[in-house]
Each structure stands twice: as structure tokens, then as C-alpha cells.
């Protein structure tokens, strides 16, 4: 058997990048029987049927997996939103950040695209909300702003661009990797949502040992994958967790709460309010 990585899946077939080239693979029936689905990004072991065809025999252990887009073994997540057209949705941005945090992705970057269309006030408001929490890159494919910064971050990593439709993920990838020639779509002015220009998840080789994941956009993201410990996915809370009087503190009404003591200091009121809103959503689902 030889080892490789799934870079694309179409109609029950999986294209595996190996030292022997790209091998088109089917899967053993035991995977279907056990309801195991190979995922783009998976490292696998395959047996060859002929030079360019094979069968996936084993899926190796994943270090992480994203739900939307469904892709595994990610090194870097670039959470991409446009600042305008469509306008940035902070609620959805926070959900993407929580999703990435829940999968222990080491490098999480906020990318705010179409910055050439925004006012300095708009830009500063986003900076102030996430400063000292996540790296933020402001980009414009029209003015070629921030593209080199993205390239430097992505080098020698598998990077996923995740975010809603219409924010310019495919345009950014085209700017980073012109040979990708990804289809881009116009924004529907009627509903201010992007047309879904990406239909499948695929690993694109940018340069040596560097891959990009383009993925379908969407306009909502459930957090039903979360349990009770929402606070551990708020990066600005982490330094203070474990310092509350009660070990199971939810940081709402409890006395001597280390998180509440930091509101307006190291934790912004807006971020705390976002936590409470999402916590209520998780509690209502339980």
C-alpha cells in the first residue's frame, strides 16, 4: 500500500495525491457499512489497481476536521468576510471563529476583504473588536492590498478560506494563485448575498508544501456541535478561565467571576455580550 492525501472527492470517487501522482480511488464497502466518509484533507493508505486507479484501504488519524467546509488536517483557517457588499455579519464571524477554535486549528486569521470600499471608521471598529485576540488582515483584490501578507501566512501550510458567499474568497485565491482560475460570481443586489460559485471542496496546490482549500459559501452556521463549554472557545477568555470562585462558572450571575471582572479591561463588553447570546442559544438547545 502507498500513502497519500485526498485532494478532491466527486461522486463517490476520491483523488489521492501520492508520490506516484494523482490516483483516482474508490472505497471499500466496509467504509459505507460503518458510515465512515473519507474527507478532503485525509491522509489515507491505498492499494493500486492500475497506474492511475486504486482503492482506499485505511484513513489515518485526523488532527482536526471542519464541518463547513468539510475538510480535515487543516493548519490555518482564514476566516474571510467582506466589510461591505455584503456587509460584515459579526454574529456569523464569531460562529466561524468558534468552529475553528473547537477544532484546535493553530493559526486562525481574520481576513476582511473589500477594504477599498470601506471608511476608516468601519475599519477601526473591526480592529478595536478583535485587537489582541486574532491577527486581522485587510485585503482588496481590486487594489492588491494584503495579498502578500496572506501568502506569507499560508506558506508551508494547508489553509482553508472559510466564510459566507459573496465575500470574495475565490477572488482572493485567484489573486494568490492566478493559475487556479476559480469561477467568481457577482453579488445579487436584490438580496445582498453572494451566488454560490464554489460547489465542492478541493485542495489546490499553491506552491511546494502549500495548499489552499476553497469551499462553498453560506449565510448561516449552527453551533449545535458545541456542548456547555462555550467559554473555552473565546480566545480572549482563556487567560482568566479557572480563576472563578466556582469551577462550573457560566460567567453570568455567579459571584467572584474572573471573566466578569475583566469586562471593559481585557474583555470588551461587545465580546462578552456575544458570549451571552451564544450561550443562551446553546442552553435553549440542550
C-alpha atoms as a PDB file:
ATOM      1  CA  UNK A   1       0.000   0.000   0.000  1.00  0.00           C
ATOM      2  CA  UNK A   2       1.044   3.566  -0.564  1.00  0.00           C
ATOM      3  CA  UNK A   3       0.230   6.699   1.397  1.00  0.00           C
ATOM      4  CA  UNK A   4      -1.370   9.833   0.028  1.00  0.00           C
ATOM      5  CA  UNK A   5      -3.732  12.693   0.738  1.00  0.00           C
ATOM      6  CA  UNK A   6      -7.245  13.178  -0.616  1.00  0.00           C
ATOM      7  CA  UNK A   7      -7.338  16.433  -2.572  1.00  0.00           C
ATOM      8  CA  UNK A   8     -10.792  16.105  -4.144  1.00  0.00           C
ATOM      9  CA  UNK A   9     -13.921  13.980  -3.946  1.00  0.00           C
ATOM     10  CA  UNK A  10     -16.537  13.720  -6.702  1.00  0.00           C
ATOM     11  CA  UNK A  11     -19.466  11.323  -6.968  1.00  0.00           C
ATOM     12  CA  UNK A  12     -18.067   8.684  -4.642  1.00  0.00           C
ATOM     13  CA  UNK A  13     -14.585   8.812  -6.160  1.00  0.00           C
ATOM     14  CA  UNK A  14     -11.604  10.313  -4.363  1.00  0.00           C
ATOM     15  CA  UNK A  15      -8.496  11.765  -5.968  1.00  0.00           C
ATOM     16  CA  UNK A  16      -5.434  10.996  -3.853  1.00  0.00           C
ATOM     17  CA  UNK A  17      -2.137  12.849  -4.232  1.00  0.00           C
ATOM     18  CA  UNK A  18       0.732  10.365  -3.825  1.00  0.00           C
ATOM     19  CA  UNK A  19       4.387  10.076  -4.742  1.00  0.00           C
ATOM     20  CA  UNK A  20       3.110   8.143  -7.779  1.00  0.00           C
ATOM     21  CA  UNK A  21       0.939  11.067  -8.895  1.00  0.00           C
ATOM     22  CA  UNK A  22      -2.829  11.557  -8.598  1.00  0.00           C
ATOM     23  CA  UNK A  23      -4.669   8.258  -8.109  1.00  0.00           C
ATOM     24  CA  UNK A  24      -8.436   8.006  -8.651  1.00  0.00           C
ATOM     25  CA  UNK A  25      -9.772   5.850  -5.836  1.00  0.00           C
ATOM     26  CA  UNK A  26     -12.975   4.157  -4.764  1.00  0.00           C
ATOM     27  CA  UNK A  27     -13.544   2.989  -1.194  1.00  0.00           C
ATOM     28  CA  UNK A  28     -14.083  -0.385   0.388  1.00  0.00           C
ATOM     29  CA  UNK A  29     -17.676  -1.323   1.171  1.00  0.00           C
ATOM     30  CA  UNK A  30     -16.751  -1.600   4.855  1.00  0.00           C
ATOM     31  CA  UNK A  31     -16.481   2.203   4.979  1.00  0.00           C
ATOM     32  CA  UNK A  32     -20.071   2.612   3.781  1.00  0.00           C
ATOM     33  CA  UNK A  33     -21.250  -0.157   6.097  1.00  0.00           C
ATOM     34  CA  UNK A  34     -19.680   1.613   9.084  1.00  0.00           C
ATOM     35  CA  UNK A  35     -20.856   5.013   7.817  1.00  0.00           C
ATOM     36  CA  UNK A  36     -17.290   6.313   7.519  1.00  0.00           C
ATOM     37  CA  UNK A  37     -16.875   9.008   4.893  1.00  0.00           C
ATOM     38  CA  UNK A  38     -13.433   9.940   3.575  1.00  0.00           C
ATOM     39  CA  UNK A  39     -12.848  13.688   3.655  1.00  0.00           C
ATOM     40  CA  UNK A  40     -10.757  16.058   1.588  1.00  0.00           C
ATOM     41  CA  UNK A  41      -7.515  16.544   3.512  1.00  0.00           C
ATOM     42  CA  UNK A  42      -7.464  12.988   4.893  1.00  0.00           C
ATOM     43  CA  UNK A  43      -4.215  11.058   4.807  1.00  0.00           C
ATOM     44  CA  UNK A  44      -5.019   7.579   3.512  1.00  0.00           C
ATOM     45  CA  UNK A  45      -3.403   4.304   2.564  1.00  0.00           C
ATOM     46  CA  UNK A  46      -4.406   2.905  -0.807  1.00  0.00           C
ATOM     47  CA  UNK A  47      -3.814  -0.200  -2.850  1.00  0.00           C
ATOM     48  CA  UNK A  48      -3.225   0.204  -6.571  1.00  0.00           C
ATOM     49  CA  UNK A  49      -5.433  -1.489  -9.158  1.00  0.00           C
ATOM     50  CA  UNK A  50      -3.508   0.055 -12.036  1.00  0.00           C
ATOM     51  CA  UNK A  51      -1.218   3.043 -12.561  1.00  0.00           C
ATOM     52  CA  UNK A  52      -3.873   5.717 -12.014  1.00  0.00           C
ATOM     53  CA  UNK A  53      -6.621   3.864 -10.119  1.00  0.00           C
ATOM     54  CA  UNK A  54      -6.812   2.408  -6.652  1.00  0.00           C
ATOM     55  CA  UNK A  55      -8.859   1.641  -3.547  1.00  0.00           C
ATOM     56  CA  UNK A  56      -8.720   3.462  -0.220  1.00  0.00           C
ATOM     57  CA  UNK A  57      -7.893   0.848   2.414  1.00  0.00           C
ATOM     58  CA  UNK A  58      -7.348   2.982   5.518  1.00  0.00           C
ATOM     59  CA  UNK A  59      -8.000   6.519   6.723  1.00  0.00           C
ATOM     60  CA  UNK A  60      -5.253   7.704   9.035  1.00  0.00           C
ATOM     61  CA  UNK A  61      -5.965   9.597  12.247  1.00  0.00           C
ATOM     62  CA  UNK A  62      -7.041  13.214  11.733  1.00  0.00           C
ATOM     63  CA  UNK A  63      -5.626  16.055  13.801  1.00  0.00           C
ATOM     64  CA  UNK A  64      -8.785  18.098  13.178  1.00  0.00           C
ATOM     65  CA  UNK A  65     -11.820  18.312  10.928  1.00  0.00           C
ATOM     66  CA  UNK A  66     -14.052  21.204   9.972  1.00  0.00           C
ATOM     67  CA  UNK A  67     -17.777  20.717   9.474  1.00  0.00           C
ATOM     68  CA  UNK A  68     -18.406  23.508   6.969  1.00  0.00           C
ATOM     69  CA  UNK A  69     -16.444  23.292   4.793  1.00  0.00           C
ATOM     70  CA  UNK A  70     -15.854  19.596   5.473  1.00  0.00           C
ATOM     71  CA  UNK A  71     -12.087  19.264   5.312  1.00  0.00           C
ATOM     72  CA  UNK A  72      -9.519  17.671   7.622  1.00  0.00           C
ATOM     73  CA  UNK A  73      -5.953  18.220   8.814  1.00  0.00           C
ATOM     74  CA  UNK A  74      -6.003  21.978   8.468  1.00  0.00           C
ATOM     75  CA  UNK A  75      -3.028  24.072   9.627  1.00  0.00           C
ATOM     76  CA  UNK A  76      -4.516  27.519   9.098  1.00  0.00           C
ATOM     77  CA  UNK A  77      -8.041  28.936   8.860  1.00  0.00           C
ATOM     78  CA  UNK A  78      -8.504  32.302   7.185  1.00  0.00           C
ATOM     79  CA  UNK A  79     -11.982  33.431   8.219  1.00  0.00           C
ATOM     80  CA  UNK A  80     -12.984  35.686   5.352  1.00  0.00           C
ATOM     81  CA  UNK A  81     -15.679  38.359   5.380  1.00  0.00           C
ATOM     82  CA  UNK A  82     -16.224  41.445   3.284  1.00  0.00           C
ATOM     83  CA  UNK A  83     -16.577  44.711   5.109  1.00  0.00           C
ATOM     84  CA  UNK A  84     -19.285  45.816   2.672  1.00  0.00           C
ATOM     85  CA  UNK A  85     -21.293  44.326  -0.229  1.00  0.00           C
ATOM     86  CA  UNK A  86     -22.329  42.185   1.600  1.00  0.00           C
ATOM     87  CA  UNK A  87     -21.922  43.988   4.908  1.00  0.00           C
ATOM     88  CA  UNK A  88     -19.955  42.188   7.581  1.00  0.00           C
ATOM     89  CA  UNK A  89     -22.007  39.945   9.883  1.00  0.00           C
ATOM     90  CA  UNK A  90     -20.246  39.879  13.263  1.00  0.00           C
ATOM     91  CA  UNK A  91     -22.546  37.155  14.628  1.00  0.00           C
ATOM     92  CA  UNK A  92     -21.604  34.826  11.783  1.00  0.00           C
ATOM     93  CA  UNK A  93     -17.933  35.786  12.060  1.00  0.00           C
ATOM     94  CA  UNK A  94     -17.919  34.776  15.722  1.00  0.00           C
ATOM     95  CA  UNK A  95     -19.505  31.434  14.827  1.00  0.00           C
ATOM     96  CA  UNK A  96     -16.748  30.723  12.319  1.00  0.00           C
ATOM     97  CA  UNK A  97     -14.128  31.625  14.918  1.00  0.00           C
ATOM     98  CA  UNK A  98     -15.739  29.281  17.459  1.00  0.00           C
ATOM     99  CA  UNK A  99     -15.858  26.486  14.890  1.00  0.00           C
ATOM    100  CA  UNK A 100     -12.153  26.925  14.132  1.00  0.00           C
ATOM    101  CA  UNK A 101     -11.272  27.129  17.843  1.00  0.00           C
ATOM    102  CA  UNK A 102     -13.243  23.953  18.578  1.00  0.00           C
ATOM    103  CA  UNK A 103     -11.033  22.045  16.134  1.00  0.00           C
ATOM    104  CA  UNK A 104      -7.746  23.204  17.652  1.00  0.00           C
ATOM    105  CA  UNK A 105      -6.578  24.915  14.497  1.00  0.00           C
ATOM    106  CA  UNK A 106      -3.325  26.543  15.482  1.00  0.00           C
ATOM    107  CA  UNK A 107      -3.409  29.505  13.103  1.00  0.00           C
ATOM    108  CA  UNK A 108      -6.704  31.422  12.913  1.00  0.00           C
ATOM    109  CA  UNK A 109      -6.678  34.637  10.913  1.00  0.00           C
ATOM    110  CA  UNK A 110      -9.468  37.141  10.292  1.00  0.00           C
ATOM    111  CA  UNK A 111      -9.441  38.447   6.723  1.00  0.00           C
ATOM    112  CA  UNK A 112     -11.626  41.465   5.975  1.00  0.00           C
ATOM    113  CA  UNK A 113     -11.951  41.836   2.211  1.00  0.00           C
ATOM    114  CA  UNK A 114     -13.061  44.758   0.009  1.00  0.00           C
ATOM    115  CA  UNK A 115     -11.403  47.232   2.355  1.00  0.00           C
ATOM    116  CA  UNK A 116     -11.145  49.718  -0.515  1.00  0.00           C
ATOM    117  CA  UNK A 117     -14.930  50.177  -0.244  1.00  0.00           C
ATOM    118  CA  UNK A 118     -14.930  50.903   3.494  1.00  0.00           C
ATOM    119  CA  UNK A 119     -14.462  54.028   5.559  1.00  0.00           C
ATOM    120  CA  UNK A 120     -11.610  54.334   8.035  1.00  0.00           C
ATOM    121  CA  UNK A 121     -14.237  54.354  10.796  1.00  0.00           C
ATOM    122  CA  UNK A 122     -15.588  50.973   9.668  1.00  0.00           C
ATOM    123  CA  UNK A 123     -12.092  49.504   9.590  1.00  0.00           C
ATOM    124  CA  UNK A 124     -11.197  50.856  13.027  1.00  0.00           C
ATOM    125  CA  UNK A 125     -14.392  49.451  14.574  1.00  0.00           C
ATOM    126  CA  UNK A 126     -13.428  45.920  13.485  1.00  0.00           C
ATOM    127  CA  UNK A 127      -9.835  46.385  14.625  1.00  0.00           C
ATOM    128  CA  UNK A 128     -10.992  47.505  18.057  1.00  0.00           C
ATOM    129  CA  UNK A 129     -13.293  44.492  18.480  1.00  0.00           C
ATOM    130  CA  UNK A 130     -10.671  41.837  17.735  1.00  0.00           C
ATOM    131  CA  UNK A 131      -7.398  43.574  18.582  1.00  0.00           C
ATOM    132  CA  UNK A 132      -5.039  41.475  20.702  1.00  0.00           C
ATOM    133  CA  UNK A 133      -7.270  38.419  20.063  1.00  0.00           C
ATOM    134  CA  UNK A 134      -6.740  37.442  16.407  1.00  0.00           C
ATOM    135  CA  UNK A 135      -4.456  38.650  13.634  1.00  0.00           C
ATOM    136  CA  UNK A 136      -6.515  40.713  11.165  1.00  0.00           C
ATOM    137  CA  UNK A 137      -5.593  41.289   7.532  1.00  0.00           C
ATOM    138  CA  UNK A 138      -7.493  43.828   5.454  1.00  0.00           C
ATOM    139  CA  UNK A 139      -7.491  42.977   1.767  1.00  0.00           C
ATOM    140  CA  UNK A 140      -8.588  44.270  -1.611  1.00  0.00           C
ATOM    141  CA  UNK A 141      -8.112  42.321  -4.819  1.00  0.00           C
ATOM    142  CA  UNK A 142      -9.017  45.481  -6.750  1.00  0.00           C
ATOM    143  CA  UNK A 143      -6.084  47.390  -5.236  1.00  0.00           C
ATOM    144  CA  UNK A 144      -3.890  44.345  -4.494  1.00  0.00           C
ATOM    145  CA  UNK A 145      -3.885  45.087  -0.770  1.00  0.00           C
ATOM    146  CA  UNK A 146      -2.922  42.391   1.739  1.00  0.00           C
ATOM    147  CA  UNK A 147      -2.244  39.644  -0.823  1.00  0.00           C
ATOM    148  CA  UNK A 148       1.441  39.279   0.053  1.00  0.00           C
ATOM    149  CA  UNK A 149       0.531  39.154   3.750  1.00  0.00           C
ATOM    150  CA  UNK A 150      -1.791  36.220   3.050  1.00  0.00           C
ATOM    151  CA  UNK A 151       0.922  34.426   1.064  1.00  0.00           C
ATOM    152  CA  UNK A 152       3.372  34.750   3.944  1.00  0.00           C
ATOM    153  CA  UNK A 153       0.853  33.356   6.434  1.00  0.00           C
ATOM    154  CA  UNK A 154      -0.046  30.408   4.201  1.00  0.00           C
ATOM    155  CA  UNK A 155       3.493  29.288   3.375  1.00  0.00           C
ATOM    156  CA  UNK A 156       4.103  25.581   4.075  1.00  0.00           C
ATOM    157  CA  UNK A 157       0.582  25.105   5.428  1.00  0.00           C
ATOM    158  CA  UNK A 158      -2.794  23.703   4.402  1.00  0.00           C
ATOM    159  CA  UNK A 159      -5.053  26.736   4.613  1.00  0.00           C
ATOM    160  CA  UNK A 160      -8.815  26.902   4.393  1.00  0.00           C
ATOM    161  CA  UNK A 161     -10.638  30.040   3.327  1.00  0.00           C
ATOM    162  CA  UNK A 162     -13.996  29.926   5.092  1.00  0.00           C
ATOM    163  CA  UNK A 163     -16.790  32.468   5.108  1.00  0.00           C
ATOM    164  CA  UNK A 164     -20.137  33.437   3.610  1.00  0.00           C
ATOM    165  CA  UNK A 165     -20.998  33.647  -0.058  1.00  0.00           C
ATOM    166  CA  UNK A 166     -20.010  36.730  -1.963  1.00  0.00           C
ATOM    167  CA  UNK A 167     -17.225  37.974   0.301  1.00  0.00           C
ATOM    168  CA  UNK A 168     -14.560  37.342  -2.327  1.00  0.00           C
ATOM    169  CA  UNK A 169     -12.879  34.093  -1.215  1.00  0.00           C
ATOM    170  CA  UNK A 170     -12.452  32.848  -4.764  1.00  0.00           C
ATOM    171  CA  UNK A 171     -11.227  36.250  -5.949  1.00  0.00           C
ATOM    172  CA  UNK A 172      -8.629  36.267  -3.175  1.00  0.00           C
ATOM    173  CA  UNK A 173      -7.481  32.772  -4.116  1.00  0.00           C
ATOM    174  CA  UNK A 174      -7.248  33.841  -7.758  1.00  0.00           C
ATOM    175  CA  UNK A 175      -5.050  36.751  -6.671  1.00  0.00           C
ATOM    176  CA  UNK A 176      -2.829  34.466  -4.589  1.00  0.00           C
ATOM    177  CA  UNK A 177      -2.809  31.662  -7.137  1.00  0.00           C
ATOM    178  CA  UNK A 178      -3.633  33.008 -10.622  1.00  0.00           C
ATOM    179  CA  UNK A 179      -3.366  29.562 -12.235  1.00  0.00           C
ATOM    180  CA  UNK A 180      -6.314  28.352 -10.149  1.00  0.00           C
ATOM    181  CA  UNK A 181      -8.725  30.362 -12.332  1.00  0.00           C
ATOM    182  CA  UNK A 182     -11.595  29.851  -9.930  1.00  0.00           C
ATOM    183  CA  UNK A 183     -15.001  30.957 -11.068  1.00  0.00           C
ATOM    184  CA  UNK A 184     -16.123  34.152  -9.353  1.00  0.00           C
ATOM    185  CA  UNK A 185     -19.665  35.479  -9.113  1.00  0.00           C
ATOM    186  CA  UNK A 186     -21.373  38.808  -8.824  1.00  0.00           C
ATOM    187  CA  UNK A 187     -23.321  39.844  -5.776  1.00  0.00           C
ATOM    188  CA  UNK A 188     -27.084  39.689  -6.088  1.00  0.00           C
ATOM    189  CA  UNK A 189     -28.086  43.292  -5.455  1.00  0.00           C
ATOM    190  CA  UNK A 190     -31.644  42.197  -4.738  1.00  0.00           C
ATOM    191  CA  UNK A 191     -30.828  40.082  -1.683  1.00  0.00           C
ATOM    192  CA  UNK A 192     -27.248  41.217  -0.966  1.00  0.00           C
ATOM    193  CA  UNK A 193     -25.998  37.662  -0.806  1.00  0.00           C
ATOM    194  CA  UNK A 194     -23.335  36.075  -2.901  1.00  0.00           C
ATOM    195  CA  UNK A 195     -24.148  33.477  -5.501  1.00  0.00           C
ATOM    196  CA  UNK A 196     -22.610  30.143  -4.592  1.00  0.00           C
ATOM    197  CA  UNK A 197     -19.712  29.981  -7.029  1.00  0.00           C
ATOM    198  CA  UNK A 198     -17.861  27.071  -5.374  1.00  0.00           C
ATOM    199  CA  UNK A 199     -19.662  23.728  -5.422  1.00  0.00           C
ATOM    200  CA  UNK A 200     -17.145  21.326  -3.924  1.00  0.00           C
ATOM    201  CA  UNK A 201     -14.216  21.280  -1.550  1.00  0.00           C
ATOM    202  CA  UNK A 202     -10.808  20.824  -3.135  1.00  0.00           C
ATOM    203  CA  UNK A 203      -7.161  21.155  -2.119  1.00  0.00           C
ATOM    204  CA  UNK A 204      -5.327  23.394  -4.565  1.00  0.00           C
ATOM    205  CA  UNK A 205      -1.533  23.229  -4.579  1.00  0.00           C
ATOM    206  CA  UNK A 206      -0.309  26.820  -4.375  1.00  0.00           C
ATOM    207  CA  UNK A 207       3.387  26.033  -4.266  1.00  0.00           C
ATOM    208  CA  UNK A 208       5.591  23.371  -2.678  1.00  0.00           C
ATOM    209  CA  UNK A 209       4.091  22.026   0.565  1.00  0.00           C
ATOM    210  CA  UNK A 210       1.458  24.776   0.468  1.00  0.00           C
ATOM    211  CA  UNK A 211      -2.217  24.071  -0.193  1.00  0.00           C
ATOM    212  CA  UNK A 212      -5.350  26.195  -0.352  1.00  0.00           C
ATOM    213  CA  UNK A 213      -8.861  24.934   0.348  1.00  0.00           C
ATOM    214  CA  UNK A 214     -11.606  26.754  -1.489  1.00  0.00           C
ATOM    215  CA  UNK A 215     -15.090  25.892  -0.319  1.00  0.00           C
ATOM    216  CA  UNK A 216     -18.772  26.712  -0.866  1.00  0.00           C
ATOM    217  CA  UNK A 217     -20.005  29.841   0.870  1.00  0.00           C
ATOM    218  CA  UNK A 218     -23.090  30.020   3.055  1.00  0.00           C
ATOM    219  CA  UNK A 219     -25.032  32.551   5.079  1.00  0.00           C
ATOM    220  CA  UNK A 220     -25.660  30.788   8.399  1.00  0.00           C
ATOM    221  CA  UNK A 221     -23.800  28.443  10.708  1.00  0.00           C
ATOM    222  CA  UNK A 222     -25.323  26.429  13.510  1.00  0.00           C
ATOM    223  CA  UNK A 223     -23.273  25.896  16.669  1.00  0.00           C
ATOM    224  CA  UNK A 224     -25.097  22.686  17.523  1.00  0.00           C
ATOM    225  CA  UNK A 225     -21.725  20.928  17.591  1.00  0.00           C
ATOM    226  CA  UNK A 226     -20.977  22.716  20.881  1.00  0.00           C
ATOM    227  CA  UNK A 227     -21.611  21.421  24.354  1.00  0.00           C
ATOM    228  CA  UNK A 228     -21.618  23.556  27.512  1.00  0.00           C
ATOM    229  CA  UNK A 229     -18.025  24.788  27.467  1.00  0.00           C
ATOM    230  CA  UNK A 230     -18.510  27.713  25.112  1.00  0.00           C
ATOM    231  CA  UNK A 231     -16.178  29.917  27.165  1.00  0.00           C
ATOM    232  CA  UNK A 232     -13.088  27.902  26.208  1.00  0.00           C
ATOM    233  CA  UNK A 233     -13.637  28.846  22.550  1.00  0.00           C
ATOM    234  CA  UNK A 234     -13.465  32.570  23.304  1.00  0.00           C
ATOM    235  CA  UNK A 235      -9.749  33.215  22.977  1.00  0.00           C
ATOM    236  CA  UNK A 236      -9.895  36.443  24.976  1.00  0.00           C
ATOM    237  CA  UNK A 237     -11.386  34.496  27.925  1.00  0.00           C
ATOM    238  CA  UNK A 238      -8.728  31.783  28.086  1.00  0.00           C
ATOM    239  CA  UNK A 239      -6.207  33.627  30.235  1.00  0.00           C
ATOM    240  CA  UNK A 240      -8.795  34.041  33.000  1.00  0.00           C
ATOM    241  CA  UNK A 241     -10.578  30.683  32.917  1.00  0.00           C
ATOM    242  CA  UNK A 242     -10.050  28.673  36.085  1.00  0.00           C
ATOM    243  CA  UNK A 243      -9.816  31.786  38.250  1.00  0.00           C
ATOM    244  CA  UNK A 244     -13.532  31.999  39.054  1.00  0.00           C
ATOM    245  CA  UNK A 245     -14.831  31.118  42.516  1.00  0.00           C
ATOM    246  CA  UNK A 246     -16.919  28.266  41.112  1.00  0.00           C
ATOM    247  CA  UNK A 247     -15.328  25.677  38.813  1.00  0.00           C
ATOM    248  CA  UNK A 248     -18.507  25.422  36.721  1.00  0.00           C
ATOM    249  CA  UNK A 249     -18.998  29.191  36.469  1.00  0.00           C
ATOM    250  CA  UNK A 250     -21.002  30.265  33.418  1.00  0.00           C
ATOM    251  CA  UNK A 251     -19.917  33.915  33.882  1.00  0.00           C
ATOM    252  CA  UNK A 252     -23.447  35.279  34.138  1.00  0.00           C
ATOM    253  CA  UNK A 253     -24.769  35.773  37.697  1.00  0.00           C
ATOM    254  CA  UNK A 254     -22.132  33.971  39.754  1.00  0.00           C
ATOM    255  CA  UNK A 255     -20.137  35.974  42.336  1.00  0.00           C
ATOM    256  CA  UNK A 256     -16.344  36.372  42.128  1.00  0.00           C
ATOM    257  CA  UNK A 257     -16.303  35.651  38.392  1.00  0.00           C
ATOM    258  CA  UNK A 258     -12.893  36.266  36.835  1.00  0.00           C
ATOM    259  CA  UNK A 259     -14.408  36.817  33.385  1.00  0.00           C
ATOM    260  CA  UNK A 260     -16.871  39.478  34.530  1.00  0.00           C
ATOM    261  CA  UNK A 261     -14.079  41.236  36.392  1.00  0.00           C
ATOM    262  CA  UNK A 262     -12.268  41.697  33.073  1.00  0.00           C
ATOM    263  CA  UNK A 263     -15.184  43.273  31.179  1.00  0.00           C
ATOM    264  CA  UNK A 264     -14.130  46.684  29.967  1.00  0.00           C
ATOM    265  CA  UNK A 265     -10.495  45.814  30.696  1.00  0.00           C
ATOM    266  CA  UNK A 266      -9.110  42.813  28.837  1.00  0.00           C
ATOM    267  CA  UNK A 267     -12.522  41.666  27.549  1.00  0.00           C
ATOM    268  CA  UNK A 268     -14.722  44.098  25.646  1.00  0.00           C
ATOM    269  CA  UNK A 269     -18.380  44.497  26.561  1.00  0.00           C
ATOM    270  CA  UNK A 270     -19.362  43.637  22.999  1.00  0.00           C
ATOM    271  CA  UNK A 271     -17.425  40.368  23.059  1.00  0.00           C
ATOM    272  CA  UNK A 272     -18.978  39.464  26.422  1.00  0.00           C
ATOM    273  CA  UNK A 273     -22.458  40.233  25.050  1.00  0.00           C
ATOM    274  CA  UNK A 274     -21.692  37.964  22.059  1.00  0.00           C
ATOM    275  CA  UNK A 275     -20.764  35.190  24.504  1.00  0.00           C
ATOM    276  CA  UNK A 276     -24.025  35.573  26.453  1.00  0.00           C
ATOM    277  CA  UNK A 277     -26.127  35.499  23.288  1.00  0.00           C
ATOM    278  CA  UNK A 278     -24.446  32.337  22.010  1.00  0.00           C
ATOM    279  CA  UNK A 279     -24.546  30.714  25.440  1.00  0.00           C
ATOM    280  CA  UNK A 280     -28.313  31.248  25.567  1.00  0.00           C
ATOM    281  CA  UNK A 281     -28.597  29.592  22.161  1.00  0.00           C
ATOM    282  CA  UNK A 282     -26.626  26.559  23.360  1.00  0.00           C
ATOM    283  CA  UNK A 283     -28.701  26.380  26.578  1.00  0.00           C
ATOM    284  CA  UNK A 284     -32.021  26.540  24.721  1.00  0.00           C
ATOM    285  CA  UNK A 285     -30.932  23.639  22.528  1.00  0.00           C
ATOM    286  CA  UNK A 286     -29.942  21.428  25.487  1.00  0.00           C
END
